Structures are given as C-alpha cells and as structure tokens.
All heavy atoms as atom14 arrays in JSON, in Angstrom:
{
  "sequence": "LIAGLSPGMTIYAALLMAYIQIGIAAAMAGASVTYDLGLIVQGM",
  "atom14_mask": [
    [1, 1, 1, 1, 1, 1, 1, 1, 0, 0, 0, 0, 0, 0],
    [1, 1, 1, 1, 1, 1, 1, 1, 0, 0, 0, 0, 0, 0],
    [1, 1, 1, 1, 1, 0, 0, 0, 0, 0, 0, 0, 0, 0],
    [1, 1, 1, 1, 0, 0, 0, 0, 0, 0, 0, 0, 0, 0],
    [1, 1, 1, 1, 1, 1, 1, 1, 0, 0, 0, 0, 0, 0],
    [1, 1, 1, 1, 1, 1, 0, 0, 0, 0, 0, 0, 0, 0],
    [1, 1, 1, 1, 1, 1, 1, 0, 0, 0, 0, 0, 0, 0],
    [1, 1, 1, 1, 0, 0, 0, 0, 0, 0, 0, 0, 0, 0],
    [1, 1, 1, 1, 1, 1, 1, 1, 0, 0, 0, 0, 0, 0],
    [1, 1, 1, 1, 1, 1, 1, 0, 0, 0, 0, 0, 0, 0],
    [1, 1, 1, 1, 1, 1, 1, 1, 0, 0, 0, 0, 0, 0],
    [1, 1, 1, 1, 1, 1, 1, 1, 1, 1, 1, 1, 0, 0],
    [1, 1, 1, 1, 1, 0, 0, 0, 0, 0, 0, 0, 0, 0],
    [1, 1, 1, 1, 1, 0, 0, 0, 0, 0, 0, 0, 0, 0],
    [1, 1, 1, 1, 1, 1, 1, 1, 0, 0, 0, 0, 0, 0],
    [1, 1, 1, 1, 1, 1, 1, 1, 0, 0, 0, 0, 0, 0],
    [1, 1, 1, 1, 1, 1, 1, 1, 0, 0, 0, 0, 0, 0],
    [1, 1, 1, 1, 1, 0, 0, 0, 0, 0, 0, 0, 0, 0],
    [1, 1, 1, 1, 1, 1, 1, 1, 1, 1, 1, 1, 0, 0],
    [1, 1, 1, 1, 1, 1, 1, 1, 0, 0, 0, 0, 0, 0],
    [1, 1, 1, 1, 1, 1, 1, 1, 1, 0, 0, 0, 0, 0],
    [1, 1, 1, 1, 1, 1, 1, 1, 0, 0, 0, 0, 0, 0],
    [1, 1, 1, 1, 0, 0, 0, 0, 0, 0, 0, 0, 0, 0],
    [1, 1, 1, 1, 1, 1, 1, 1, 0, 0, 0, 0, 0, 0],
    [1, 1, 1, 1, 1, 0, 0, 0, 0, 0, 0, 0, 0, 0],
    [1, 1, 1, 1, 1, 0, 0, 0, 0, 0, 0, 0, 0, 0],
    [1, 1, 1, 1, 1, 0, 0, 0, 0, 0, 0, 0, 0, 0],
    [1, 1, 1, 1, 1, 1, 1, 1, 0, 0, 0, 0, 0, 0],
    [1, 1, 1, 1, 1, 0, 0, 0, 0, 0, 0, 0, 0, 0],
    [1, 1, 1, 1, 0, 0, 0, 0, 0, 0, 0, 0, 0, 0],
    [1, 1, 1, 1, 1, 0, 0, 0, 0, 0, 0, 0, 0, 0],
    [1, 1, 1, 1, 1, 1, 0, 0, 0, 0, 0, 0, 0, 0],
    [1, 1, 1, 1, 1, 1, 1, 0, 0, 0, 0, 0, 0, 0],
    [1, 1, 1, 1, 1, 1, 1, 0, 0, 0, 0, 0, 0, 0],
    [1, 1, 1, 1, 1, 1, 1, 1, 1, 1, 1, 1, 0, 0],
    [1, 1, 1, 1, 1, 1, 1, 1, 0, 0, 0, 0, 0, 0],
    [1, 1, 1, 1, 1, 1, 1, 1, 0, 0, 0, 0, 0, 0],
    [1, 1, 1, 1, 0, 0, 0, 0, 0, 0, 0, 0, 0, 0],
    [1, 1, 1, 1, 1, 1, 1, 1, 0, 0, 0, 0, 0, 0],
    [1, 1, 1, 1, 1, 1, 1, 1, 0, 0, 0, 0, 0, 0],
    [1, 1, 1, 1, 1, 1, 1, 0, 0, 0, 0, 0, 0, 0],
    [1, 1, 1, 1, 1, 1, 1, 1, 1, 0, 0, 0, 0, 0],
    [1, 1, 1, 1, 0, 0, 0, 0, 0, 0, 0, 0, 0, 0],
    [1, 1, 1, 1, 1, 1, 1, 1, 0, 0, 0, 0, 0, 0]
  ],
  "atom14_positions": [
    [[0.8, -1.2, 0.0], [-0.01, -0.01, 0.0], [0.85, 1.26, -0.03], [0.57, 2.21, -0.74], [-0.93, -0.02, 1.2], [-2.22, -0.81, 1.08], [-2.95, -0.76, 2.4], [-3.05, -0.34, -0.06], [0.0, 0.0, 0.0], [0.0, 0.0, 0.0], [0.0, 0.0, 0.0], [0.0, 0.0, 0.0], [0.0, 0.0, 0.0], [0.0, 0.0, 0.0]],
    [[1.89, 1.26, 0.82], [2.77, 2.43, 0.82], [3.47, 2.64, -0.51], [3.61, 3.73, -0.99], [3.84, 2.28, 1.97], [3.14, 2.39, 3.32], [4.91, 3.37, 1.84], [4.04, 2.09, 4.46], [0.0, 0.0, 0.0], [0.0, 0.0, 0.0], [0.0, 0.0, 0.0], [0.0, 0.0, 0.0], [0.0, 0.0, 0.0], [0.0, 0.0, 0.0]],
    [[3.8, 1.52, -1.18], [4.43, 1.59, -2.48], [3.46, 1.96, -3.59], [3.9, 2.18, -4.75], [5.14, 0.26, -2.81], [0.0, 0.0, 0.0], [0.0, 0.0, 0.0], [0.0, 0.0, 0.0], [0.0, 0.0, 0.0], [0.0, 0.0, 0.0], [0.0, 0.0, 0.0], [0.0, 0.0, 0.0], [0.0, 0.0, 0.0], [0.0, 0.0, 0.0]],
    [[2.19, 2.03, -3.29], [1.22, 2.39, -4.29], [1.04, 1.26, -5.33], [0.75, 1.49, -6.47], [0.0, 0.0, 0.0], [0.0, 0.0, 0.0], [0.0, 0.0, 0.0], [0.0, 0.0, 0.0], [0.0, 0.0, 0.0], [0.0, 0.0, 0.0], [0.0, 0.0, 0.0], [0.0, 0.0, 0.0], [0.0, 0.0, 0.0], [0.0, 0.0, 0.0]],
    [[1.25, -0.01, -4.87], [1.16, -1.18, -5.74], [2.11, -1.13, -6.9], [1.88, -1.75, -7.93], [-0.31, -1.38, -6.2], [-1.31, -1.53, -5.09], [-2.74, -1.61, -5.69], [-1.04, -2.76, -4.23], [0.0, 0.0, 0.0], [0.0, 0.0, 0.0], [0.0, 0.0, 0.0], [0.0, 0.0, 0.0], [0.0, 0.0, 0.0], [0.0, 0.0, 0.0]],
    [[3.21, -0.44, -6.69], [4.24, -0.34, -7.75], [5.41, -1.25, -7.35], [6.01, -1.1, -6.26], [4.71, 1.11, -7.85], [5.87, 1.17, -8.68], [0.0, 0.0, 0.0], [0.0, 0.0, 0.0], [0.0, 0.0, 0.0], [0.0, 0.0, 0.0], [0.0, 0.0, 0.0], [0.0, 0.0, 0.0], [0.0, 0.0, 0.0], [0.0, 0.0, 0.0]],
    [[5.78, -2.2, -8.2], [6.88, -3.12, -7.85], [8.19, -2.41, -7.61], [8.98, -2.83, -6.74], [6.99, -4.04, -9.09], [5.67, -3.95, -9.75], [5.15, -2.58, -9.47], [0.0, 0.0, 0.0], [0.0, 0.0, 0.0], [0.0, 0.0, 0.0], [0.0, 0.0, 0.0], [0.0, 0.0, 0.0], [0.0, 0.0, 0.0], [0.0, 0.0, 0.0]],
    [[8.46, -1.32, -8.33], [9.74, -0.64, -8.17], [9.81, 0.1, -6.84], [10.89, 0.28, -6.24], [0.0, 0.0, 0.0], [0.0, 0.0, 0.0], [0.0, 0.0, 0.0], [0.0, 0.0, 0.0], [0.0, 0.0, 0.0], [0.0, 0.0, 0.0], [0.0, 0.0, 0.0], [0.0, 0.0, 0.0], [0.0, 0.0, 0.0], [0.0, 0.0, 0.0]],
    [[8.67, 0.62, -6.36], [8.67, 1.35, -5.12], [8.57, 0.48, -3.86], [8.74, 0.92, -2.74], [7.47, 2.32, -5.13], [7.56, 3.41, -6.14], [9.03, 4.43, -5.9], [8.64, 5.25, -4.39], [0.0, 0.0, 0.0], [0.0, 0.0, 0.0], [0.0, 0.0, 0.0], [0.0, 0.0, 0.0], [0.0, 0.0, 0.0], [0.0, 0.0, 0.0]],
    [[8.31, -0.83, -4.07], [8.18, -1.75, -2.95], [9.46, -1.81, -2.14], [9.4, -1.88, -0.91], [7.83, -3.14, -3.46], [6.61, -3.04, -4.23], [7.6, -4.1, -2.34], [0.0, 0.0, 0.0], [0.0, 0.0, 0.0], [0.0, 0.0, 0.0], [0.0, 0.0, 0.0], [0.0, 0.0, 0.0], [0.0, 0.0, 0.0], [0.0, 0.0, 0.0]],
    [[10.6, -1.75, -2.79], [11.89, -1.83, -2.05], [12.03, -0.6, -1.13], [12.39, -0.75, 0.03], [13.05, -1.86, -3.08], [13.01, -3.17, -3.85], [14.41, -1.69, -2.33], [13.96, -3.21, -5.01], [0.0, 0.0, 0.0], [0.0, 0.0, 0.0], [0.0, 0.0, 0.0], [0.0, 0.0, 0.0], [0.0, 0.0, 0.0], [0.0, 0.0, 0.0]],
    [[11.68, 0.56, -1.63], [11.77, 1.78, -0.85], [10.78, 1.77, 0.3], [11.08, 2.21, 1.41], [11.59, 3.04, -1.72], [12.63, 3.13, -2.77], [12.32, 3.01, -4.11], [13.98, 3.33, -2.45], [13.29, 3.09, -5.08], [14.97, 3.44, -3.42], [14.6, 3.29, -4.75], [15.55, 3.39, -5.71], [0.0, 0.0, 0.0], [0.0, 0.0, 0.0]],
    [[9.6, 1.27, 0.07], [8.6, 1.22, 1.13], [9.02, 0.22, 2.22], [8.83, 0.47, 3.4], [7.25, 0.81, 0.54], [0.0, 0.0, 0.0], [0.0, 0.0, 0.0], [0.0, 0.0, 0.0], [0.0, 0.0, 0.0], [0.0, 0.0, 0.0], [0.0, 0.0, 0.0], [0.0, 0.0, 0.0], [0.0, 0.0, 0.0], [0.0, 0.0, 0.0]],
    [[9.61, -0.89, 1.79], [10.09, -1.9, 2.78], [11.21, -1.31, 3.59], [11.28, -1.53, 4.79], [10.53, -3.14, 2.05], [0.0, 0.0, 0.0], [0.0, 0.0, 0.0], [0.0, 0.0, 0.0], [0.0, 0.0, 0.0], [0.0, 0.0, 0.0], [0.0, 0.0, 0.0], [0.0, 0.0, 0.0], [0.0, 0.0, 0.0], [0.0, 0.0, 0.0]],
    [[12.09, -0.54, 2.98], [13.19, 0.09, 3.68], [12.64, 1.13, 4.68], [13.18, 1.27, 5.8], [14.17, 0.76, 2.72], [15.05, -0.21, 1.92], [15.85, 0.53, 0.89], [15.94, -1.02, 2.82], [0.0, 0.0, 0.0], [0.0, 0.0, 0.0], [0.0, 0.0, 0.0], [0.0, 0.0, 0.0], [0.0, 0.0, 0.0], [0.0, 0.0, 0.0]],
    [[11.6, 1.86, 4.28], [10.96, 2.79, 5.18], [10.41, 2.09, 6.45], [10.67, 2.54, 7.56], [9.85, 3.59, 4.47], [9.02, 4.49, 5.41], [9.87, 5.68, 5.89], [7.78, 4.98, 4.66], [0.0, 0.0, 0.0], [0.0, 0.0, 0.0], [0.0, 0.0, 0.0], [0.0, 0.0, 0.0], [0.0, 0.0, 0.0], [0.0, 0.0, 0.0]],
    [[9.7, 1.01, 6.22], [9.13, 0.27, 7.37], [10.2, -0.3, 8.23], [10.15, -0.28, 9.46], [8.18, -0.83, 6.87], [6.97, -0.3, 6.12], [5.89, 0.69, 7.16], [5.0, -0.63, 7.98], [0.0, 0.0, 0.0], [0.0, 0.0, 0.0], [0.0, 0.0, 0.0], [0.0, 0.0, 0.0], [0.0, 0.0, 0.0], [0.0, 0.0, 0.0]],
    [[11.31, -0.82, 7.65], [12.4, -1.35, 8.42], [13.12, -0.25, 9.2], [13.49, -0.44, 10.32], [13.42, -2.05, 7.48], [0.0, 0.0, 0.0], [0.0, 0.0, 0.0], [0.0, 0.0, 0.0], [0.0, 0.0, 0.0], [0.0, 0.0, 0.0], [0.0, 0.0, 0.0], [0.0, 0.0, 0.0], [0.0, 0.0, 0.0], [0.0, 0.0, 0.0]],
    [[13.28, 0.91, 8.58], [13.88, 2.08, 9.23], [13.06, 2.48, 10.46], [13.66, 2.79, 11.54], [14.0, 3.22, 8.27], [14.68, 4.46, 8.83], [16.05, 4.46, 9.02], [13.97, 5.57, 9.14], [16.69, 5.57, 9.55], [14.58, 6.68, 9.66], [15.91, 6.69, 9.84], [16.53, 7.79, 10.38], [0.0, 0.0, 0.0], [0.0, 0.0, 0.0]],
    [[11.77, 2.46, 10.35], [10.93, 2.8, 11.48], [11.09, 1.76, 12.61], [11.19, 2.13, 13.78], [9.46, 2.95, 11.04], [9.28, 4.15, 10.13], [8.51, 3.05, 12.26], [7.93, 4.23, 9.5], [0.0, 0.0, 0.0], [0.0, 0.0, 0.0], [0.0, 0.0, 0.0], [0.0, 0.0, 0.0], [0.0, 0.0, 0.0], [0.0, 0.0, 0.0]],
    [[11.11, 0.48, 12.2], [11.26, -0.57, 13.23], [12.61, -0.46, 13.96], [12.69, -0.58, 15.16], [11.18, -1.94, 12.57], [9.76, -2.31, 12.16], [8.86, -2.57, 13.3], [9.3, -2.91, 14.41], [7.59, -2.37, 13.07], [0.0, 0.0, 0.0], [0.0, 0.0, 0.0], [0.0, 0.0, 0.0], [0.0, 0.0, 0.0], [0.0, 0.0, 0.0]],
    [[13.68, -0.18, 13.22], [15.01, -0.03, 13.81], [15.04, 1.23, 14.68], [15.6, 1.23, 15.77], [16.08, 0.02, 12.76], [16.22, -1.38, 12.11], [17.42, 0.44, 13.29], [17.06, -1.4, 10.86], [0.0, 0.0, 0.0], [0.0, 0.0, 0.0], [0.0, 0.0, 0.0], [0.0, 0.0, 0.0], [0.0, 0.0, 0.0], [0.0, 0.0, 0.0]],
    [[14.37, 2.28, 14.24], [14.29, 3.51, 15.0], [13.59, 3.33, 16.31], [13.97, 3.9, 17.34], [0.0, 0.0, 0.0], [0.0, 0.0, 0.0], [0.0, 0.0, 0.0], [0.0, 0.0, 0.0], [0.0, 0.0, 0.0], [0.0, 0.0, 0.0], [0.0, 0.0, 0.0], [0.0, 0.0, 0.0], [0.0, 0.0, 0.0], [0.0, 0.0, 0.0]],
    [[12.52, 2.53, 16.3], [11.78, 2.26, 17.52], [12.7, 1.49, 18.51], [12.73, 1.88, 19.7], [10.54, 1.39, 17.19], [9.55, 2.16, 16.39], [9.9, 0.9, 18.5], [8.42, 1.28, 15.81], [0.0, 0.0, 0.0], [0.0, 0.0, 0.0], [0.0, 0.0, 0.0], [0.0, 0.0, 0.0], [0.0, 0.0, 0.0], [0.0, 0.0, 0.0]],
    [[13.44, 0.55, 18.01], [14.33, -0.25, 18.89], [15.4, 0.64, 19.49], [15.72, 0.56, 20.67], [14.88, -1.41, 18.15], [0.0, 0.0, 0.0], [0.0, 0.0, 0.0], [0.0, 0.0, 0.0], [0.0, 0.0, 0.0], [0.0, 0.0, 0.0], [0.0, 0.0, 0.0], [0.0, 0.0, 0.0], [0.0, 0.0, 0.0], [0.0, 0.0, 0.0]],
    [[15.98, 1.52, 18.67], [17.01, 2.41, 19.15], [16.45, 3.43, 20.14], [17.15, 3.73, 21.17], [17.67, 3.15, 17.96], [0.0, 0.0, 0.0], [0.0, 0.0, 0.0], [0.0, 0.0, 0.0], [0.0, 0.0, 0.0], [0.0, 0.0, 0.0], [0.0, 0.0, 0.0], [0.0, 0.0, 0.0], [0.0, 0.0, 0.0], [0.0, 0.0, 0.0]],
    [[15.27, 3.9, 19.91], [14.66, 4.88, 20.81], [14.33, 4.22, 22.15], [14.41, 4.84, 23.2], [13.42, 5.52, 20.18], [0.0, 0.0, 0.0], [0.0, 0.0, 0.0], [0.0, 0.0, 0.0], [0.0, 0.0, 0.0], [0.0, 0.0, 0.0], [0.0, 0.0, 0.0], [0.0, 0.0, 0.0], [0.0, 0.0, 0.0], [0.0, 0.0, 0.0]],
    [[13.91, 2.96, 22.08], [13.57, 2.26, 23.33], [14.86, 2.01, 24.17], [14.81, 2.07, 25.38], [12.92, 0.95, 23.03], [11.46, 1.06, 22.57], [10.69, -0.49, 22.07], [11.03, -1.58, 23.4], [0.0, 0.0, 0.0], [0.0, 0.0, 0.0], [0.0, 0.0, 0.0], [0.0, 0.0, 0.0], [0.0, 0.0, 0.0], [0.0, 0.0, 0.0]],
    [[15.97, 1.78, 23.49], [17.21, 1.5, 24.19], [17.85, 2.78, 24.75], [18.44, 2.79, 25.86], [18.23, 0.83, 23.28], [0.0, 0.0, 0.0], [0.0, 0.0, 0.0], [0.0, 0.0, 0.0], [0.0, 0.0, 0.0], [0.0, 0.0, 0.0], [0.0, 0.0, 0.0], [0.0, 0.0, 0.0], [0.0, 0.0, 0.0], [0.0, 0.0, 0.0]],
    [[17.71, 3.89, 24.01], [18.39, 5.11, 24.45], [17.54, 6.13, 25.16], [18.07, 7.02, 25.81], [0.0, 0.0, 0.0], [0.0, 0.0, 0.0], [0.0, 0.0, 0.0], [0.0, 0.0, 0.0], [0.0, 0.0, 0.0], [0.0, 0.0, 0.0], [0.0, 0.0, 0.0], [0.0, 0.0, 0.0], [0.0, 0.0, 0.0], [0.0, 0.0, 0.0]],
    [[16.21, 6.0, 25.1], [15.36, 6.97, 25.73], [14.16, 6.26, 26.33], [13.97, 5.06, 26.19], [14.92, 8.04, 24.72], [0.0, 0.0, 0.0], [0.0, 0.0, 0.0], [0.0, 0.0, 0.0], [0.0, 0.0, 0.0], [0.0, 0.0, 0.0], [0.0, 0.0, 0.0], [0.0, 0.0, 0.0], [0.0, 0.0, 0.0], [0.0, 0.0, 0.0]],
    [[13.3, 7.03, 26.99], [12.13, 6.4, 27.55], [10.97, 6.48, 26.58], [9.93, 7.05, 26.85], [11.79, 7.15, 28.88], [11.49, 8.49, 28.6], [0.0, 0.0, 0.0], [0.0, 0.0, 0.0], [0.0, 0.0, 0.0], [0.0, 0.0, 0.0], [0.0, 0.0, 0.0], [0.0, 0.0, 0.0], [0.0, 0.0, 0.0], [0.0, 0.0, 0.0]],
    [[11.17, 5.81, 25.41], [10.16, 5.76, 24.4], [9.58, 4.35, 24.39], [10.36, 3.37, 24.46], [10.73, 6.13, 23.02], [9.71, 5.97, 21.93], [11.28, 7.55, 23.06], [0.0, 0.0, 0.0], [0.0, 0.0, 0.0], [0.0, 0.0, 0.0], [0.0, 0.0, 0.0], [0.0, 0.0, 0.0], [0.0, 0.0, 0.0], [0.0, 0.0, 0.0]],
    [[8.29, 4.22, 24.28], [7.7, 2.9, 24.26], [7.53, 2.41, 22.85], [7.53, 3.2, 21.92], [6.32, 2.89, 24.99], [5.45, 3.76, 24.24], [6.44, 3.37, 26.39], [0.0, 0.0, 0.0], [0.0, 0.0, 0.0], [0.0, 0.0, 0.0], [0.0, 0.0, 0.0], [0.0, 0.0, 0.0], [0.0, 0.0, 0.0], [0.0, 0.0, 0.0]],
    [[7.28, 1.16, 22.72], [7.09, 0.55, 21.38], [5.78, 1.07, 20.76], [5.64, 1.16, 19.6], [6.99, -0.99, 21.57], [6.9, -1.71, 20.23], [8.02, -1.79, 19.41], [5.76, -2.35, 19.85], [7.95, -2.49, 18.21], [5.69, -3.0, 18.64], [6.74, -3.08, 17.87], [6.71, -3.73, 16.66], [0.0, 0.0, 0.0], [0.0, 0.0, 0.0]],
    [[4.83, 1.41, 21.65], [3.55, 1.92, 21.16], [3.72, 3.21, 20.35], [2.97, 3.49, 19.37], [2.6, 2.19, 22.34], [2.23, 0.92, 23.04], [2.23, -0.14, 22.38], [1.95, 0.97, 24.24], [0.0, 0.0, 0.0], [0.0, 0.0, 0.0], [0.0, 0.0, 0.0], [0.0, 0.0, 0.0], [0.0, 0.0, 0.0], [0.0, 0.0, 0.0]],
    [[4.69, 4.07, 20.7], [4.9, 5.27, 19.92], [5.31, 4.93, 18.47], [4.85, 5.61, 17.55], [5.96, 6.11, 20.6], [6.28, 7.43, 19.92], [5.05, 8.35, 19.93], [7.41, 8.13, 20.61], [0.0, 0.0, 0.0], [0.0, 0.0, 0.0], [0.0, 0.0, 0.0], [0.0, 0.0, 0.0], [0.0, 0.0, 0.0], [0.0, 0.0, 0.0]],
    [[6.1, 3.96, 18.3], [6.48, 3.52, 16.96], [5.27, 3.0, 16.17], [5.16, 3.23, 15.02], [0.0, 0.0, 0.0], [0.0, 0.0, 0.0], [0.0, 0.0, 0.0], [0.0, 0.0, 0.0], [0.0, 0.0, 0.0], [0.0, 0.0, 0.0], [0.0, 0.0, 0.0], [0.0, 0.0, 0.0], [0.0, 0.0, 0.0], [0.0, 0.0, 0.0]],
    [[4.44, 2.27, 16.86], [3.23, 1.77, 16.19], [2.3, 2.92, 15.79], [1.64, 2.84, 14.73], [2.51, 0.79, 17.1], [3.23, -0.52, 17.35], [2.41, -1.38, 18.29], [3.54, -1.27, 16.1], [0.0, 0.0, 0.0], [0.0, 0.0, 0.0], [0.0, 0.0, 0.0], [0.0, 0.0, 0.0], [0.0, 0.0, 0.0], [0.0, 0.0, 0.0]],
    [[2.29, 3.94, 16.6], [1.47, 5.12, 16.25], [1.99, 5.79, 15.01], [1.24, 6.19, 14.12], [1.37, 6.09, 17.44], [0.58, 5.52, 18.57], [0.86, 7.47, 17.02], [0.64, 6.29, 19.87], [0.0, 0.0, 0.0], [0.0, 0.0, 0.0], [0.0, 0.0, 0.0], [0.0, 0.0, 0.0], [0.0, 0.0, 0.0], [0.0, 0.0, 0.0]],
    [[3.31, 5.9, 14.92], [3.94, 6.51, 13.73], [3.66, 5.65, 12.48], [3.26, 6.19, 11.43], [5.46, 6.66, 13.92], [6.13, 7.05, 12.62], [5.76, 7.66, 15.01], [0.0, 0.0, 0.0], [0.0, 0.0, 0.0], [0.0, 0.0, 0.0], [0.0, 0.0, 0.0], [0.0, 0.0, 0.0], [0.0, 0.0, 0.0], [0.0, 0.0, 0.0]],
    [[3.75, 4.33, 12.62], [3.41, 3.48, 11.48], [1.96, 3.6, 11.12], [1.62, 3.63, 9.92], [3.76, 2.03, 11.83], [5.2, 1.69, 11.73], [5.5, 0.23, 12.01], [4.72, -0.44, 12.64], [6.64, -0.25, 11.53], [0.0, 0.0, 0.0], [0.0, 0.0, 0.0], [0.0, 0.0, 0.0], [0.0, 0.0, 0.0], [0.0, 0.0, 0.0]],
    [[1.12, 3.67, 12.11], [-0.34, 3.83, 11.85], [-0.63, 5.13, 11.13], [-1.47, 5.17, 10.21], [0.0, 0.0, 0.0], [0.0, 0.0, 0.0], [0.0, 0.0, 0.0], [0.0, 0.0, 0.0], [0.0, 0.0, 0.0], [0.0, 0.0, 0.0], [0.0, 0.0, 0.0], [0.0, 0.0, 0.0], [0.0, 0.0, 0.0], [0.0, 0.0, 0.0]],
    [[0.03, 6.2, 11.51], [-0.19, 7.47, 10.83], [0.26, 7.43, 9.38], [-0.39, 7.98, 8.51], [0.56, 8.59, 11.6], [-0.09, 8.92, 12.96], [0.83, 10.08, 13.99], [1.21, 11.4, 12.91], [0.0, 0.0, 0.0], [0.0, 0.0, 0.0], [0.0, 0.0, 0.0], [0.0, 0.0, 0.0], [0.0, 0.0, 0.0], [0.0, 0.0, 0.0]]
  ]
}
C-alpha cells in the first residue's frame, strides 16, 4: 500500500518500514520511548 502497488517502489517502502522498526528499537534503548509510539507513527 505504501508503495502504491508499484513493484519498483516496494523496495523503498520496505526500507521505510524497516527504518521505522530499527528507530523504535534504538529509541527504546536510548530513551524512555515505548514501542507503542512507533506503532502510532506506522499507523499514521
């Protein structure tokens, strides 16, 4: 859906989702951020 059903954009959309997941993990380790905040960002 993020890629707009375009095969070429799928790689970039997957990298975006992976970047958000890694960012959530780093924020949880370094600050008092919960996993729920990352899910809210993904939901938005």
